[in-house]
Amino acid sequence: MHPKALEVMKKYTTLTDSLSHKDPGSQEYIKTAKERAELEPFVDKYNLVAGVEKEIEDNDALMRGDSDPEIRDMAKAELDNLYQRKEQLEQEVLAMLLPKDERKSRNIIVEIRAGAGGDEAAIFAGDLFRMYTRYAEIKRWKYEIIDFNEIGLGGYKEIVFSMKGKDLYGYMKYESGVHRVQRVPLTEAGGRLHTSTASVAVMPEAKEVDVQIDDKDLRIDVYRASGAGGQHVNKTDSAVRITHLPTMVVVTCQDERSQLQNRDRAMQVLRAKLYDMEVQKKISEETETRRSMIGSQERAEKIRTYNYPQNRITDHRINLTLYKLDIIMNGDLDELINALILDEQQSMLKTLD
């Protein structure tokens, strides 16, 4: 276990001993009791690890010493489960040592844009959108499209959507960056392998208190919506474009039926973009150690390659390669994202030494 975990356990023992020598009605007792209570969730989790370690020890003894082959086989099978449980609990203990990130629990705005590669890049952007929405269905998150620019063939030059659910930003923040695909395009008759890119920006949803926006800093234009969406399309000026003049950030929304609804959704995206700019600025001002972590979400470099001929996906930040691209594109992202979470935690733990 990490030395910091042992420090917390030692502090908990010291506080417990200290309480027995204080007057229960004193302010000093109340302060010490409160400090001890704050450590109890960590101590409970740590003790669970100790309990599993004892079970591992008992089953190991059975596997090695029992004369009944059936008992030994049962002990071995249970050991495999216990080692997995121990690893999971240890990661949960380590995660409790890390600084709390208030943004982890926030809902998100996701923006996917086609990059280099023409129509194939737009088709890949559509594939990423479907991958994330299938992942959302698996995790029981909700999503709503805010704006899009279709090309047909299931592709998008850009698509913006919101996602709501438990600890969403904590899971999805690792998806920010440039994604590269290698495959034979549907539009390529000659069967030549093609490389295209799409960029993904995952932004924590901003509250009004996070970002102050002055109305005089906004230019708001309305226009007719285009594409699928119902009878309002091309008949009323319901689509909204908002330009934030100090930063020249532009957001649009055309997916709702009324101009007012589209304006509200566009403002939601604008707040998220401005808040994310502040988040990225703060990250860039941190130490070189922190900037090198996954959590820094530096977007200039490609983060992942999707190679269809080999059914291979490679995350370049942690040098992880999996030969299950078909499964991942169908929304099963947990193995990738859990590996990224673990790598970030391990990197952050180094700063606690």
Protein backbone atom coordinates (compact mmCIF):
# COMPACT_ATOMS: atom_id res chain seq x y z
CA MET A 1 0.00 0.00 0.00
CA HIS A 2 1.14 3.57 -0.73
CA PRO A 3 3.06 5.22 2.16
CA LYS A 4 0.50 8.03 2.23
CA ALA A 5 -2.21 5.47 3.07
CA LEU A 6 -0.17 4.27 6.04
CA GLU A 7 0.21 7.89 7.16
CA VAL A 8 -3.57 8.35 7.12
CA MET A 9 -4.07 5.16 9.15
CA LYS A 10 -1.45 6.28 11.67
CA LYS A 11 -3.13 9.69 11.97
CA TYR A 12 -6.50 8.01 12.55
CA THR A 13 -5.02 5.89 15.37
CA THR A 14 -3.40 8.96 16.93
CA LEU A 15 -6.69 10.90 16.84
CA THR A 16 -8.55 7.94 18.36
CA ASP A 17 -6.04 7.71 21.21
CA SER A 18 -6.19 11.47 21.68
CA LEU A 19 -9.97 11.42 22.16
CA SER A 20 -9.69 9.15 25.19
CA HIS A 21 -7.70 11.86 27.00
CA LYS A 22 -10.01 14.79 26.27
CA ASP A 23 -13.13 16.13 27.93
CA PRO A 24 -16.08 15.05 25.72
CA GLY A 25 -17.71 18.45 26.17
CA SER A 26 -14.68 20.53 25.21
CA GLN A 27 -14.13 22.33 21.91
CA GLU A 28 -10.85 20.47 21.52
CA TYR A 29 -12.68 17.13 21.77
CA ILE A 30 -15.28 18.23 19.19
CA LYS A 31 -12.57 19.40 16.79
CA THR A 32 -10.60 16.16 17.14
CA ALA A 33 -13.75 14.02 16.76
CA LYS A 34 -14.70 15.87 13.59
CA GLU A 35 -11.21 15.42 12.12
CA ARG A 36 -11.33 11.71 12.98
CA ALA A 37 -14.81 11.33 11.43
CA GLU A 38 -13.54 12.77 8.14
CA LEU A 39 -11.01 9.93 7.94
CA GLU A 40 -13.51 7.14 8.68
CA PRO A 41 -14.58 6.45 5.05
CA PHE A 42 -10.93 5.97 4.11
CA VAL A 43 -10.29 3.73 7.14
CA ASP A 44 -13.35 1.60 6.34
CA LYS A 45 -12.13 1.08 2.77
CA TYR A 46 -8.59 0.32 3.97
CA ASN A 47 -9.94 -2.28 6.42
CA LEU A 48 -11.84 -3.94 3.58
CA VAL A 49 -8.48 -4.45 1.82
CA ALA A 50 -7.06 -6.00 5.00
CA GLY A 51 -10.08 -8.32 5.19
CA VAL A 52 -9.62 -9.49 1.61
CA GLU A 53 -5.89 -10.04 2.26
CA LYS A 54 -6.82 -12.33 5.19
CA GLU A 55 -9.21 -14.28 2.93
CA ILE A 56 -6.44 -14.62 0.34
CA GLU A 57 -4.10 -15.98 3.00
CA ASP A 58 -6.72 -18.53 4.18
CA ASN A 59 -7.59 -19.71 0.65
CA ASP A 60 -3.92 -19.94 -0.29
CA ALA A 61 -3.35 -22.22 2.70
CA LEU A 62 -6.30 -24.38 1.63
CA MET A 63 -5.07 -24.60 -1.95
CA ARG A 64 -1.61 -25.67 -0.85
CA GLY A 65 -2.44 -27.88 2.14
CA ASP A 66 -5.84 -29.56 1.77
CA SER A 67 -5.79 -33.20 0.72
CA ASP A 68 -9.10 -32.96 -1.18
CA PRO A 69 -8.49 -31.97 -4.86
CA GLU A 70 -12.01 -30.52 -5.12
CA ILE A 71 -11.39 -28.26 -2.10
CA ARG A 72 -8.08 -27.13 -3.64
CA ASP A 73 -9.78 -26.30 -6.95
CA MET A 74 -12.49 -24.32 -5.15
CA ALA A 75 -9.85 -22.42 -3.17
CA LYS A 76 -7.94 -21.58 -6.35
CA ALA A 77 -11.07 -20.28 -8.08
CA GLU A 78 -11.90 -18.16 -5.05
CA LEU A 79 -8.33 -16.84 -4.98
CA ASP A 80 -8.68 -15.49 -8.51
CA ASN A 81 -11.81 -13.58 -7.47
CA LEU A 82 -10.17 -12.31 -4.28
CA TYR A 83 -7.10 -10.98 -6.10
CA GLN A 84 -9.38 -9.04 -8.48
CA ARG A 85 -11.36 -7.69 -5.53
CA LYS A 86 -8.16 -6.69 -3.73
CA GLU A 87 -6.86 -4.83 -6.79
CA GLN A 88 -10.15 -2.96 -7.16
CA LEU A 89 -10.26 -1.99 -3.48
CA GLU A 90 -6.62 -0.86 -3.50
CA GLN A 91 -7.35 1.46 -6.42
CA GLU A 92 -10.35 2.87 -4.55
CA VAL A 93 -8.15 3.46 -1.49
CA LEU A 94 -5.51 5.23 -3.60
CA ALA A 95 -8.17 7.36 -5.30
CA MET A 96 -9.30 8.58 -1.88
CA LEU A 97 -5.79 9.93 -1.25
CA LEU A 98 -5.89 12.22 -4.27
CA PRO A 99 -7.01 15.86 -4.27
CA LYS A 100 -10.74 16.14 -4.89
CA ASP A 101 -11.74 17.45 -8.33
CA GLU A 102 -15.07 19.27 -8.09
CA ARG A 103 -15.46 19.00 -11.87
CA LYS A 104 -15.52 15.17 -11.76
CA SER A 105 -19.24 14.98 -11.02
CA ARG A 106 -20.32 17.56 -13.60
CA ASN A 107 -22.40 16.89 -16.68
CA ILE A 108 -20.66 17.63 -19.97
CA ILE A 109 -20.91 19.20 -23.41
CA VAL A 110 -19.15 17.20 -26.15
CA GLU A 111 -18.08 18.70 -29.47
CA ILE A 112 -16.85 16.42 -32.25
CA ARG A 113 -15.38 17.97 -35.41
CA ALA A 114 -14.16 16.32 -38.60
CA GLY A 115 -10.47 17.00 -39.22
CA ALA A 116 -8.16 16.00 -42.06
CA GLY A 117 -9.61 13.53 -44.54
CA GLY A 118 -12.65 15.08 -46.20
CA ASP A 119 -15.84 13.02 -46.17
CA GLU A 120 -14.08 10.09 -44.50
CA ALA A 121 -13.18 12.36 -41.54
CA ALA A 122 -16.84 13.37 -41.26
CA ILE A 123 -17.93 9.72 -41.35
CA PHE A 124 -15.40 8.96 -38.60
CA ALA A 125 -16.79 11.86 -36.55
CA GLY A 126 -20.20 10.17 -36.87
CA ASP A 127 -18.67 6.87 -35.74
CA LEU A 128 -17.24 8.54 -32.63
CA PHE A 129 -20.61 10.10 -31.87
CA ARG A 130 -22.30 6.70 -32.06
CA MET A 131 -19.55 5.13 -29.94
CA TYR A 132 -20.12 7.70 -27.17
CA THR A 133 -23.90 7.49 -27.30
CA ARG A 134 -23.78 3.68 -27.07
CA TYR A 135 -21.41 4.04 -24.12
CA ALA A 136 -23.94 6.42 -22.58
CA GLU A 137 -26.66 3.82 -22.99
CA ILE A 138 -24.49 1.19 -21.27
CA LYS A 139 -23.74 3.59 -18.38
CA ARG A 140 -27.37 4.78 -18.27
CA TRP A 141 -26.43 8.37 -19.01
CA LYS A 142 -28.73 10.64 -20.97
CA TYR A 143 -27.67 12.62 -24.03
CA GLU A 144 -29.22 15.29 -26.24
CA ILE A 145 -28.03 16.70 -29.56
CA ILE A 146 -27.54 20.47 -29.45
CA ASP A 147 -26.25 21.24 -32.94
CA PHE A 148 -24.93 19.37 -35.98
CA ASN A 149 -23.78 19.73 -39.56
CA GLU A 150 -24.45 16.54 -41.53
CA ILE A 151 -22.88 15.35 -44.78
CA GLY A 152 -24.94 12.18 -45.30
CA LEU A 153 -23.55 8.62 -45.03
CA GLY A 154 -23.93 9.00 -41.26
CA GLY A 155 -21.20 11.63 -41.13
CA TYR A 156 -20.91 15.03 -39.48
CA LYS A 157 -18.63 17.96 -40.15
CA GLU A 158 -19.40 18.77 -36.53
CA ILE A 159 -21.84 17.65 -33.87
CA VAL A 160 -22.40 19.06 -30.39
CA PHE A 161 -24.34 17.22 -27.70
CA SER A 162 -24.86 17.24 -23.95
CA MET A 163 -24.55 14.25 -21.60
CA LYS A 164 -25.99 13.94 -18.11
CA GLY A 165 -25.18 11.28 -15.54
CA LYS A 166 -23.12 10.24 -12.53
CA ASP A 167 -19.45 11.39 -12.51
CA LEU A 168 -19.63 12.09 -16.23
CA TYR A 169 -16.71 14.49 -16.58
CA GLY A 170 -14.59 12.18 -14.43
CA TYR A 171 -15.03 9.43 -17.02
CA MET A 172 -15.20 11.34 -20.28
CA LYS A 173 -12.51 14.02 -19.84
CA TYR A 174 -9.90 11.62 -21.27
CA GLU A 175 -11.64 11.68 -24.67
CA SER A 176 -10.55 15.25 -25.40
CA GLY A 177 -8.00 15.35 -28.20
CA VAL A 178 -7.33 14.30 -31.78
CA HIS A 179 -8.51 10.82 -32.77
CA ARG A 180 -6.99 9.17 -35.86
CA VAL A 181 -8.60 6.45 -37.96
CA GLN A 182 -6.88 4.13 -40.47
CA ARG A 183 -9.19 2.19 -42.79
CA VAL A 184 -10.39 1.77 -46.36
CA PRO A 185 -13.10 4.43 -46.76
CA LEU A 186 -16.58 3.69 -48.01
CA THR A 187 -15.95 6.44 -50.56
CA GLU A 188 -12.68 4.87 -51.82
CA ALA A 189 -13.35 2.54 -54.73
CA GLY A 190 -9.73 1.43 -55.09
CA GLY A 191 -9.45 -0.06 -51.62
CA ARG A 192 -6.57 2.18 -50.52
CA LEU A 193 -5.90 2.52 -46.78
CA HIS A 194 -6.75 6.06 -45.72
CA THR A 195 -5.86 8.07 -42.62
CA SER A 196 -8.32 10.65 -41.28
CA THR A 197 -8.79 12.55 -38.05
CA ALA A 198 -11.51 14.01 -35.88
CA SER A 199 -11.17 16.17 -32.79
CA VAL A 200 -13.16 15.73 -29.60
CA ALA A 201 -13.63 18.39 -26.93
CA VAL A 202 -15.22 17.32 -23.65
CA MET A 203 -16.22 20.34 -21.56
CA PRO A 204 -17.62 20.30 -18.02
CA GLU A 205 -21.01 21.94 -17.90
CA ALA A 206 -20.66 25.41 -16.41
CA LYS A 207 -22.94 26.96 -13.84
CA GLU A 208 -23.87 30.60 -14.16
CA VAL A 209 -21.74 31.41 -11.12
CA ASP A 210 -18.69 29.89 -12.86
CA VAL A 211 -18.80 32.25 -15.82
CA GLN A 212 -20.06 35.83 -15.84
CA ILE A 213 -21.28 36.82 -19.32
CA ASP A 214 -22.29 40.41 -20.02
CA ASP A 215 -25.10 40.80 -22.58
CA LYS A 216 -23.23 43.66 -24.25
CA ASP A 217 -20.42 41.21 -25.08
CA LEU A 218 -22.75 39.07 -27.19
CA ARG A 219 -23.78 39.26 -30.83
CA ILE A 220 -26.86 37.13 -31.47
CA ASP A 221 -27.94 36.18 -34.99
CA VAL A 222 -30.96 34.12 -35.99
CA TYR A 223 -31.42 32.12 -39.18
CA ARG A 224 -33.41 29.26 -40.61
CA ALA A 225 -32.54 25.81 -39.40
CA SER A 226 -31.49 23.14 -41.89
CA GLY A 227 -31.53 19.37 -41.91
CA ALA A 228 -33.82 16.90 -40.16
CA GLY A 229 -35.88 18.25 -37.31
CA GLY A 230 -39.57 18.66 -38.10
CA GLN A 231 -41.95 21.15 -39.67
CA HIS A 232 -40.17 24.21 -38.27
CA VAL A 233 -37.13 23.54 -40.47
CA ASN A 234 -36.62 26.14 -43.21
CA LYS A 235 -39.89 27.90 -42.28
CA THR A 236 -38.97 30.03 -39.25
CA ASP A 237 -35.82 31.79 -38.10
CA SER A 238 -35.45 29.44 -35.11
CA ALA A 239 -31.71 28.69 -35.32
CA VAL A 240 -29.43 30.85 -33.17
CA ARG A 241 -25.79 31.85 -33.52
CA ILE A 242 -24.09 33.59 -30.56
CA THR A 243 -20.69 35.27 -30.82
CA HIS A 244 -18.85 36.15 -27.62
CA LEU A 245 -17.03 39.29 -28.76
CA PRO A 246 -14.17 39.38 -26.20
CA THR A 247 -13.01 35.87 -27.15
CA MET A 248 -14.70 35.52 -30.59
CA VAL A 249 -16.02 32.13 -29.52
CA VAL A 250 -19.00 31.23 -31.74
CA VAL A 251 -21.73 28.74 -30.82
CA THR A 252 -24.85 27.71 -32.71
CA CYS A 253 -27.97 25.72 -31.93
CA GLN A 254 -30.74 24.69 -34.31
CA ASP A 255 -32.08 21.45 -32.85
CA GLU A 256 -34.87 22.88 -30.70
CA ARG A 257 -38.22 24.01 -32.11
CA SER A 258 -38.22 27.59 -30.85
CA GLN A 259 -35.74 30.42 -31.09
CA LEU A 260 -35.86 30.88 -27.30
CA GLN A 261 -35.02 27.21 -26.66
CA ASN A 262 -32.15 27.35 -29.13
CA ARG A 263 -30.85 30.53 -27.49
CA ASP A 264 -30.88 28.86 -24.07
CA ARG A 265 -29.04 25.80 -25.38
CA ALA A 266 -26.50 27.95 -27.22
CA MET A 267 -25.82 29.90 -24.01
CA GLN A 268 -25.30 26.59 -22.21
CA VAL A 269 -22.63 25.64 -24.75
CA LEU A 270 -21.04 29.11 -24.60
CA ARG A 271 -20.74 28.95 -20.81
CA ALA A 272 -19.18 25.50 -21.06
CA LYS A 273 -16.65 26.70 -23.66
CA LEU A 274 -15.63 29.76 -21.66
CA TYR A 275 -15.40 27.72 -18.46
CA ASP A 276 -13.31 25.08 -20.25
CA MET A 277 -10.96 27.79 -21.49
CA GLU A 278 -10.39 28.77 -17.86
CA VAL A 279 -9.86 25.14 -16.88
CA GLN A 280 -7.28 24.64 -19.63
CA LYS A 281 -5.54 27.90 -18.70
CA LYS A 282 -5.28 26.76 -15.09
CA ILE A 283 -3.90 23.38 -16.15
CA SER A 284 -1.28 25.03 -18.38
CA GLU A 285 -0.05 27.09 -15.42
CA GLU A 286 0.58 24.03 -13.25
CA THR A 287 3.96 22.33 -12.82
CA GLU A 288 5.59 20.27 -15.55
CA THR A 289 4.77 17.10 -13.63
CA ARG A 290 1.07 17.89 -13.59
CA ARG A 291 1.05 18.98 -17.23
CA SER A 292 2.49 15.61 -18.27
CA MET A 293 -0.43 13.73 -16.76
CA ILE A 294 -3.41 12.40 -18.66
CA GLY A 295 -5.61 14.79 -16.73
CA SER A 296 -4.02 17.75 -18.48
CA GLN A 297 -5.94 16.82 -21.64
CA GLU A 298 -3.48 18.51 -23.99
CA ARG A 299 -5.34 18.52 -27.28
CA ALA A 300 -2.65 19.31 -29.81
CA GLU A 301 -1.37 15.72 -30.05
CA LYS A 302 -3.28 12.73 -31.36
CA ILE A 303 -4.41 10.67 -28.41
CA ARG A 304 -5.64 7.51 -30.09
CA THR A 305 -5.46 5.51 -33.32
CA TYR A 306 -8.29 3.32 -34.62
CA ASN A 307 -6.91 0.76 -37.10
CA TYR A 308 -9.78 -1.13 -38.75
CA PRO A 309 -7.83 -3.69 -40.85
CA GLN A 310 -6.12 -4.98 -37.68
CA ASN A 311 -9.17 -4.48 -35.40
CA ARG A 312 -6.72 -2.51 -33.26
CA ILE A 313 -7.07 0.55 -31.05
CA THR A 314 -4.03 2.24 -29.50
CA ASP A 315 -4.08 4.96 -26.86
CA HIS A 316 -0.77 6.76 -27.32
CA ARG A 317 -0.82 8.50 -23.92
CA ILE A 318 -0.45 5.25 -21.99
CA ASN A 319 0.89 3.00 -24.78
CA LEU A 320 -2.13 0.70 -24.50
CA THR A 321 -3.09 -1.42 -27.52
CA LEU A 322 -6.23 -3.56 -27.63
CA TYR A 323 -7.30 -5.83 -30.47
CA LYS A 324 -11.03 -5.33 -29.94
CA LEU A 325 -11.82 -2.23 -31.96
CA ASP A 326 -15.20 -3.63 -33.04
CA ILE A 327 -16.28 -4.06 -29.42
CA ILE A 328 -15.05 -0.60 -28.37
CA MET A 329 -16.73 1.13 -31.31
CA ASN A 330 -19.95 -0.49 -30.11
CA GLY A 331 -19.65 1.49 -26.88
CA ASP A 332 -17.65 -0.79 -24.58
CA LEU A 333 -15.14 1.87 -23.49
CA ASP A 334 -14.67 0.86 -19.86
CA GLU A 335 -11.37 -1.00 -20.30
CA LEU A 336 -9.80 1.98 -22.07
CA ILE A 337 -11.13 4.61 -19.69
CA ASN A 338 -10.35 2.63 -16.54
CA ALA A 339 -6.75 2.27 -17.75
CA LEU A 340 -6.56 6.04 -18.26
CA ILE A 341 -8.04 6.70 -14.81
CA LEU A 342 -5.51 4.34 -13.22
CA ASP A 343 -2.61 5.95 -15.07
CA GLU A 344 -3.72 9.42 -13.96
CA GLN A 345 -4.06 8.27 -10.35
CA GLN A 346 -0.60 6.72 -10.37
CA SER A 347 0.89 9.88 -11.88
CA MET A 348 -0.82 12.05 -9.27
CA LEU A 349 0.28 9.77 -6.43
CA LYS A 350 3.90 10.47 -7.37
CA THR A 351 3.33 14.09 -6.39
CA LEU A 352 2.23 12.98 -2.93
CA ASP A 353 5.58 11.33 -2.13
